PDB file of N, CA and C in Angstrom:
ATOM      1  N   MET A   1      17.896  31.606  38.869  1.00  0.00           N
ATOM      2  CA  MET A   1      16.625  31.616  38.250  1.00  0.00           C
ATOM      3  C   MET A   1      16.562  30.734  36.991  1.00  0.00           C
ATOM      4  N   ALA A   2      15.565  29.950  36.883  1.00  0.00           N
ATOM      5  CA  ALA A   2      15.471  28.938  35.847  1.00  0.00           C
ATOM      6  C   ALA A   2      14.974  29.652  34.691  1.00  0.00           C
ATOM      7  N   GLN A   3      15.626  29.360  33.396  1.00  0.00           N
ATOM      8  CA  GLN A   3      15.245  29.952  32.226  1.00  0.00           C
ATOM      9  C   GLN A   3      14.161  29.039  31.604  1.00  0.00           C
ATOM     10  N   THR A   4      13.126  29.699  31.137  1.00  0.00           N
ATOM     11  CA  THR A   4      11.893  28.933  30.529  1.00  0.00           C
ATOM     12  C   THR A   4      12.055  29.285  28.995  1.00  0.00           C
ATOM     13  N   THR A   5      11.656  28.290  28.164  1.00  0.00           N
ATOM     14  CA  THR A   5      11.547  28.492  26.760  1.00  0.00           C
ATOM     15  C   THR A   5      10.150  28.227  26.392  1.00  0.00           C
ATOM     16  N   SER A   6       9.723  28.980  25.431  1.00  0.00           N
ATOM     17  CA  SER A   6       8.398  28.854  24.832  1.00  0.00           C
ATOM     18  C   SER A   6       8.370  28.240  23.448  1.00  0.00           C
ATOM     19  N   TYR A   7       7.715  27.305  23.203  1.00  0.00           N
ATOM     20  CA  TYR A   7       7.629  26.669  21.927  1.00  0.00           C
ATOM     21  C   TYR A   7       6.311  26.899  21.255  1.00  0.00           C
ATOM     22  N   VAL A   8       6.291  27.381  20.032  1.00  0.00           N
ATOM     23  CA  VAL A   8       5.168  27.817  19.310  1.00  0.00           C
ATOM     24  C   VAL A   8       5.015  26.548  18.235  1.00  0.00           C
ATOM     25  N   THR A   9       3.763  25.931  18.399  1.00  0.00           N
ATOM     26  CA  THR A   9       3.444  24.888  17.439  1.00  0.00           C
ATOM     27  C   THR A   9       2.324  25.257  16.630  1.00  0.00           C
ATOM     28  N   ASN A  10       2.539  25.122  15.294  1.00  0.00           N
ATOM     29  CA  ASN A  10       1.535  25.438  14.358  1.00  0.00           C
ATOM     30  C   ASN A  10       0.618  24.306  14.060  1.00  0.00           C
ATOM     31  N   LYS A  11      -0.596  24.433  14.445  1.00  0.00           N
ATOM     32  CA  LYS A  11      -1.627  23.329  14.239  1.00  0.00           C
ATOM     33  C   LYS A  11      -2.118  23.535  12.775  1.00  0.00           C
ATOM     34  N   PRO A  12      -2.150  22.498  11.916  1.00  0.00           N
ATOM     35  CA  PRO A  12      -2.620  22.552  10.690  1.00  0.00           C
ATOM     36  C   PRO A  12      -4.082  23.043  10.633  1.00  0.00           C
ATOM     37  N   SER A  13      -4.415  23.813   9.655  1.00  0.00           N
ATOM     38  CA  SER A  13      -5.858  24.277   9.602  1.00  0.00           C
ATOM     39  C   SER A  13      -6.679  23.135   9.129  1.00  0.00           C
ATOM     40  N   SER A  14      -7.989  23.354   9.225  1.00  0.00           N
ATOM     41  CA  SER A  14      -9.002  22.404   8.764  1.00  0.00           C
ATOM     42  C   SER A  14      -8.882  22.221   7.344  1.00  0.00           C
ATOM     43  N   TRP A  15      -8.462  23.346   6.585  1.00  0.00           N
ATOM     44  CA  TRP A  15      -8.289  23.068   5.203  1.00  0.00           C
ATOM     45  C   TRP A  15      -7.205  22.102   4.740  1.00  0.00           C
ATOM     46  N   ASP A  16      -6.105  22.164   5.483  1.00  0.00           N
ATOM     47  CA  ASP A  16      -5.006  21.233   5.179  1.00  0.00           C
ATOM     48  C   ASP A  16      -5.387  19.759   5.638  1.00  0.00           C
ATOM     49  N   ASP A  17      -6.241  19.684   6.653  1.00  0.00           N
ATOM     50  CA  ASP A  17      -6.709  18.316   6.997  1.00  0.00           C
ATOM     51  C   ASP A  17      -7.607  17.661   5.921  1.00  0.00           C
ATOM     52  N   LYS A  18      -8.525  18.554   5.414  1.00  0.00           N
ATOM     53  CA  LYS A  18      -9.407  18.049   4.362  1.00  0.00           C
ATOM     54  C   LYS A  18      -8.679  17.831   3.083  1.00  0.00           C
ATOM     55  N   LEU A  19      -7.655  18.584   2.752  1.00  0.00           N
ATOM     56  CA  LEU A  19      -6.899  18.407   1.429  1.00  0.00           C
ATOM     57  C   LEU A  19      -6.064  17.131   1.700  1.00  0.00           C
ATOM     58  N   ALA A  20      -5.467  16.874   2.790  1.00  0.00           N
ATOM     59  CA  ALA A  20      -4.776  15.669   2.985  1.00  0.00           C
ATOM     60  C   ALA A  20      -5.661  14.483   2.909  1.00  0.00           C
ATOM     61  N   PHE A  21      -6.846  14.580   3.551  1.00  0.00           N
ATOM     62  CA  PHE A  21      -7.764  13.435   3.505  1.00  0.00           C
ATOM     63  C   PHE A  21      -8.183  13.125   2.142  1.00  0.00           C
ATOM     64  N   VAL A  22      -8.473  14.057   1.283  1.00  0.00           N
ATOM     65  CA  VAL A  22      -8.879  13.981  -0.132  1.00  0.00           C
ATOM     66  C   VAL A  22      -7.789  13.339  -0.942  1.00  0.00           C
ATOM     67  N   LEU A  23      -6.458  13.821  -0.688  1.00  0.00           N
ATOM     68  CA  LEU A  23      -5.378  13.290  -1.369  1.00  0.00           C
ATOM     69  C   LEU A  23      -4.986  11.843  -1.152  1.00  0.00           C
ATOM     70  N   ILE A  24      -5.453  11.378   0.016  1.00  0.00           N
ATOM     71  CA  ILE A  24      -5.388   9.998   0.301  1.00  0.00           C
ATOM     72  C   ILE A  24      -6.502   9.140   0.019  1.00  0.00           C
ATOM     73  N   PHE A  25      -7.729   9.721   0.245  1.00  0.00           N
ATOM     74  CA  PHE A  25      -9.036   8.948  -0.004  1.00  0.00           C
ATOM     75  C   PHE A  25      -9.190   8.597  -1.375  1.00  0.00           C
ATOM     76  N   VAL A  26      -9.195   9.688  -2.287  1.00  0.00           N
ATOM     77  CA  VAL A  26      -9.553   9.537  -3.674  1.00  0.00           C
ATOM     78  C   VAL A  26      -8.738   8.523  -4.392  1.00  0.00           C
ATOM     79  N   PRO A  27      -7.337   8.664  -4.418  1.00  0.00           N
ATOM     80  CA  PRO A  27      -6.501   7.586  -5.169  1.00  0.00           C
ATOM     81  C   PRO A  27      -6.688   6.188  -4.537  1.00  0.00           C
ATOM     82  N   CYS A  28      -6.859   6.061  -3.293  1.00  0.00           N
ATOM     83  CA  CYS A  28      -7.081   4.786  -2.801  1.00  0.00           C
ATOM     84  C   CYS A  28      -8.461   4.184  -3.176  1.00  0.00           C
ATOM     85  N   PHE A  29      -9.472   5.001  -3.233  1.00  0.00           N
ATOM     86  CA  PHE A  29     -10.822   4.675  -3.542  1.00  0.00           C
ATOM     87  C   PHE A  29     -10.868   4.138  -5.128  1.00  0.00           C
ATOM     88  N   VAL A  30     -10.123   4.994  -5.922  1.00  0.00           N
ATOM     89  CA  VAL A  30     -10.118   4.654  -7.365  1.00  0.00           C
ATOM     90  C   VAL A  30      -9.357   3.256  -7.487  1.00  0.00           C
ATOM     91  N   LEU A  31      -8.324   3.126  -6.885  1.00  0.00           N
ATOM     92  CA  LEU A  31      -7.545   1.863  -7.013  1.00  0.00           C
ATOM     93  C   LEU A  31      -8.339   0.635  -6.578  1.00  0.00           C
ATOM     94  N   LEU A  32      -8.936   0.771  -5.289  1.00  0.00           N
ATOM     95  CA  LEU A  32      -9.637  -0.314  -4.780  1.00  0.00           C
ATOM     96  C   LEU A  32     -10.992  -0.619  -5.447  1.00  0.00           C
ATOM     97  N   PHE A  33     -11.534   0.556  -6.165  1.00  0.00           N
ATOM     98  CA  PHE A  33     -12.771   0.416  -6.884  1.00  0.00           C
ATOM     99  C   PHE A  33     -12.491  -0.383  -8.171  1.00  0.00           C
ATOM    100  N   ALA A  34     -11.285  -0.193  -8.778  1.00  0.00           N
ATOM    101  CA  ALA A  34     -10.843  -0.840 -10.011  1.00  0.00           C
ATOM    102  C   ALA A  34     -10.636  -2.339  -9.555  1.00  0.00           C
ATOM    103  N   VAL A  35     -10.091  -2.655  -8.472  1.00  0.00           N
ATOM    104  CA  VAL A  35     -10.024  -4.107  -8.097  1.00  0.00           C
ATOM    105  C   VAL A  35     -11.285  -4.796  -7.832  1.00  0.00           C
ATOM    106  N   ALA A  36     -12.202  -4.009  -7.178  1.00  0.00           N
ATOM    107  CA  ALA A  36     -13.497  -4.628  -7.059  1.00  0.00           C
ATOM    108  C   ALA A  36     -14.327  -4.721  -8.205  1.00  0.00           C
ATOM    109  N   LEU A  37     -14.234  -3.787  -9.108  1.00  0.00           N
ATOM    110  CA  LEU A  37     -14.877  -3.843 -10.518  1.00  0.00           C
ATOM    111  C   LEU A  37     -14.404  -5.036 -11.219  1.00  0.00           C
ATOM    112  N   ALA A  38     -13.111  -5.174 -11.276  1.00  0.00           N
ATOM    113  CA  ALA A  38     -12.528  -6.205 -12.103  1.00  0.00           C
ATOM    114  C   ALA A  38     -12.978  -7.721 -11.445  1.00  0.00           C
ATOM    115  N   GLY A  39     -12.950  -7.739 -10.165  1.00  0.00           N
ATOM    116  CA  GLY A  39     -13.448  -9.029  -9.500  1.00  0.00           C
ATOM    117  C   GLY A  39     -14.834  -9.229  -9.756  1.00  0.00           C
ATOM    118  N   GLN A  40     -15.803  -8.134  -9.813  1.00  0.00           N
ATOM    119  CA  GLN A  40     -17.125  -8.322 -10.061  1.00  0.00           C
ATOM    120  C   GLN A  40     -17.469  -8.684 -11.475  1.00  0.00           C
ATOM    121  N   LEU A  41     -16.662  -8.097 -12.479  1.00  0.00           N
ATOM    122  CA  LEU A  41     -16.858  -8.520 -13.854  1.00  0.00           C
ATOM    123  C   LEU A  41     -16.460  -9.896 -14.090  1.00  0.00           C
ATOM    124  N   VAL A  42     -15.414 -10.356 -13.462  1.00  0.00           N
ATOM    125  CA  VAL A  42     -14.919 -11.754 -13.659  1.00  0.00           C
ATOM    126  C   VAL A  42     -15.841 -12.746 -13.019  1.00  0.00           C
ATOM    127  N   GLY A  43     -16.462 -12.255 -11.968  1.00  0.00           N
ATOM    128  CA  GLY A  43     -17.390 -13.185 -11.141  1.00  0.00           C
ATOM    129  C   GLY A  43     -16.724 -13.779  -9.990  1.00  0.00           C
ATOM    130  N   MET A  44     -15.648 -13.101  -9.470  1.00  0.00           N
ATOM    131  CA  MET A  44     -14.941 -13.751  -8.386  1.00  0.00           C
ATOM    132  C   MET A  44     -15.479 -12.996  -7.052  1.00  0.00           C
ATOM    133  N   ARG A  45     -15.139 -13.712  -5.913  1.00  0.00           N
ATOM    134  CA  ARG A  45     -15.584 -13.029  -4.606  1.00  0.00           C
ATOM    135  C   ARG A  45     -14.651 -11.951  -4.206  1.00  0.00           C
ATOM    136  N   TRP A  46     -14.802 -10.751  -4.658  1.00  0.00           N
ATOM    137  CA  TRP A  46     -13.813  -9.609  -4.487  1.00  0.00           C
ATOM    138  C   TRP A  46     -13.895  -9.181  -2.986  1.00  0.00           C
ATOM    139  N   LYS A  47     -14.994  -9.302  -2.242  1.00  0.00           N
ATOM    140  CA  LYS A  47     -15.129  -8.935  -0.915  1.00  0.00           C
ATOM    141  C   LYS A  47     -14.108  -9.358   0.046  1.00  0.00           C
ATOM    142  N   ALA A  48     -13.744 -10.658  -0.260  1.00  0.00           N
ATOM    143  CA  ALA A  48     -12.658 -11.222   0.693  1.00  0.00           C
ATOM    144  C   ALA A  48     -11.292 -10.707   0.388  1.00  0.00           C
ATOM    145  N   TRP A  49     -11.119 -10.030  -0.827  1.00  0.00           N
ATOM    146  CA  TRP A  49      -9.924  -9.354  -1.033  1.00  0.00           C
ATOM    147  C   TRP A  49      -9.626  -8.074  -0.363  1.00  0.00           C
ATOM    148  N   LEU A  50     -10.773  -7.426  -0.020  1.00  0.00           N
ATOM    149  CA  LEU A  50     -10.598  -5.991   0.603  1.00  0.00           C
ATOM    150  C   LEU A  50     -11.021  -6.031   1.986  1.00  0.00           C
ATOM    151  N   PRO A  51     -10.018  -5.537   2.936  1.00  0.00           N
ATOM    152  CA  PRO A  51     -10.342  -5.585   4.285  1.00  0.00           C
ATOM    153  C   PRO A  51     -11.499  -4.576   4.703  1.00  0.00           C
ATOM    154  N   GLY A  52     -12.434  -5.008   5.478  1.00  0.00           N
ATOM    155  CA  GLY A  52     -13.615  -4.218   5.895  1.00  0.00           C
ATOM    156  C   GLY A  52     -14.744  -4.250   4.865  1.00  0.00           C
ATOM    157  N   ALA A  53     -14.679  -4.933   3.860  1.00  0.00           N
ATOM    158  CA  ALA A  53     -15.795  -5.021   2.887  1.00  0.00           C
ATOM    159  C   ALA A  53     -16.688  -6.328   2.913  1.00  0.00           C
ATOM    160  N   GLU A  54     -16.212  -7.185   3.832  1.00  0.00           N
ATOM    161  CA  GLU A  54     -16.878  -8.486   3.932  1.00  0.00           C
ATOM    162  C   GLU A  54     -18.434  -8.440   4.149  1.00  0.00           C
ATOM    163  N   ASN A  55     -18.954  -7.586   4.901  1.00  0.00           N
ATOM    164  CA  ASN A  55     -20.322  -7.494   5.213  1.00  0.00           C
ATOM    165  C   ASN A  55     -21.112  -6.549   4.585  1.00  0.00           C
ATOM    166  N   MET A  56     -20.548  -5.803   3.520  1.00  0.00           N
ATOM    167  CA  MET A  56     -21.254  -4.735   2.869  1.00  0.00           C
ATOM    168  C   MET A  56     -22.148  -5.379   1.776  1.00  0.00           C
ATOM    169  N   THR A  57     -23.273  -4.557   1.509  1.00  0.00           N
ATOM    170  CA  THR A  57     -24.259  -5.096   0.627  1.00  0.00           C
ATOM    171  C   THR A  57     -24.023  -4.585  -0.890  1.00  0.00           C
ATOM    172  N   ASN A  58     -23.348  -3.628  -1.183  1.00  0.00           N
ATOM    173  CA  ASN A  58     -23.133  -3.230  -2.460  1.00  0.00           C
ATOM    174  C   ASN A  58     -21.644  -2.952  -2.682  1.00  0.00           C
ATOM    175  N   MET A  59     -21.122  -2.736  -3.909  1.00  0.00           N
ATOM    176  CA  MET A  59     -19.748  -2.512  -4.236  1.00  0.00           C
ATOM    177  C   MET A  59     -19.231  -1.146  -3.746  1.00  0.00           C
ATOM    178  N   ILE A  60     -19.963  -0.149  -3.866  1.00  0.00           N
ATOM    179  CA  ILE A  60     -19.542   1.157  -3.396  1.00  0.00           C
ATOM    180  C   ILE A  60     -19.245   1.268  -1.895  1.00  0.00           C
ATOM    181  N   ALA A  61     -20.236   0.686  -1.116  1.00  0.00           N
ATOM    182  CA  ALA A  61     -20.041   0.646   0.318  1.00  0.00           C
ATOM    183  C   ALA A  61     -18.935  -0.209   0.700  1.00  0.00           C
ATOM    184  N   GLY A  62     -18.750  -1.300   0.023  1.00  0.00           N
ATOM    185  CA  GLY A  62     -17.507  -2.163   0.359  1.00  0.00           C
ATOM    186  C   GLY A  62     -16.287  -1.527   0.025  1.00  0.00           C
ATOM    187  N   VAL A  63     -16.171  -0.792  -1.095  1.00  0.00           N
ATOM    188  CA  VAL A  63     -14.984  -0.111  -1.376  1.00  0.00           C
ATOM    189  C   VAL A  63     -14.611   0.995  -0.310  1.00  0.00           C
ATOM    190  N   LYS A  64     -15.792   1.712  -0.057  1.00  0.00           N
ATOM    191  CA  LYS A  64     -15.537   2.823   0.898  1.00  0.00           C
ATOM    192  C   LYS A  64     -15.104   2.265   2.323  1.00  0.00           C
ATOM    193  N   ALA A  65     -15.727   1.193   2.781  1.00  0.00           N
ATOM    194  CA  ALA A  65     -15.326   0.585   4.030  1.00  0.00           C
ATOM    195  C   ALA A  65     -13.816   0.147   3.979  1.00  0.00           C
ATOM    196  N   SER A  66     -13.479  -0.415   2.793  1.00  0.00           N
ATOM    197  CA  SER A  66     -12.117  -0.839   2.692  1.00  0.00           C
ATOM    198  C   SER A  66     -11.179   0.242   2.722  1.00  0.00           C
ATOM    199  N   VAL A  67     -11.440   1.339   2.032  1.00  0.00           N
ATOM    200  CA  VAL A  67     -10.574   2.570   2.041  1.00  0.00           C
ATOM    201  C   VAL A  67     -10.444   3.115   3.469  1.00  0.00           C
ATOM    202  N   TYR A  68     -11.497   3.196   4.105  1.00  0.00           N
ATOM    203  CA  TYR A  68     -11.440   3.685   5.538  1.00  0.00           C
ATOM    204  C   TYR A  68     -10.562   2.645   6.371  1.00  0.00           C
ATOM    205  N   THR A  69     -10.701   1.441   6.190  1.00  0.00           N
ATOM    206  CA  THR A  69      -9.768   0.388   6.953  1.00  0.00           C
ATOM    207  C   THR A  69      -8.402   0.611   6.547  1.00  0.00           C
ATOM    208  N   PHE A  70      -8.117   0.777   5.285  1.00  0.00           N
ATOM    209  CA  PHE A  70      -6.767   1.043   4.690  1.00  0.00           C
ATOM    210  C   PHE A  70      -6.184   2.251   5.407  1.00  0.00           C
ATOM    211  N   MET A  71      -6.957   3.313   5.352  1.00  0.00           N
ATOM    212  CA  MET A  71      -6.486   4.542   5.831  1.00  0.00           C
ATOM    213  C   MET A  71      -6.175   4.637   7.208  1.00  0.00           C
ATOM    214  N   SER A  72      -6.938   3.821   8.063  1.00  0.00           N
ATOM    215  CA  SER A  72      -6.633   3.744   9.504  1.00  0.00           C
ATOM    216  C   SER A  72      -5.270   3.076   9.829  1.00  0.00           C
ATOM    217  N   HIS A  73      -4.806   2.278   8.795  1.00  0.00           N
ATOM    218  CA  HIS A  73      -3.477   1.636   9.027  1.00  0.00           C
ATOM    219  C   HIS A  73      -2.284   2.566   8.657  1.00  0.00           C
ATOM    220  N   ILE A  74      -2.516   3.490   7.677  1.00  0.00           N
ATOM    221  CA  ILE A  74      -1.429   4.288   7.269  1.00  0.00           C
ATOM    222  C   ILE A  74      -1.417   5.606   7.949  1.00  0.00           C
ATOM    223  N   ILE A  75      -2.373   6.072   8.691  1.00  0.00           N
ATOM    224  CA  ILE A  75      -2.329   7.354   9.341  1.00  0.00           C
ATOM    225  C   ILE A  75      -2.097   7.129  10.856  1.00  0.00           C
TER     226      ILE A  75
END
C-alpha cells in the first residue's frame, strides 16, 4: 500500500498582502517622487527617467505609474 503525505500550506492573509504592498509602494513612491520633483524644479525632462511615466499628464500620475512598473519587476 502506498503511503500518502499531506502538506498544509499557509496562505498569507489579505492583511499580510496589504502590509507588504504598502511597505514596498510607499518607500518607492517617496523616492521616485523626490527624483521627479528634483527634475521638475531644475527644469529637466524627468518623465524619460522613470519607466512608465512617459505618457502621464501630471507628476503624481507619472510617479504612480513608475512605481507600479518598478514593482512589477521586483515581485
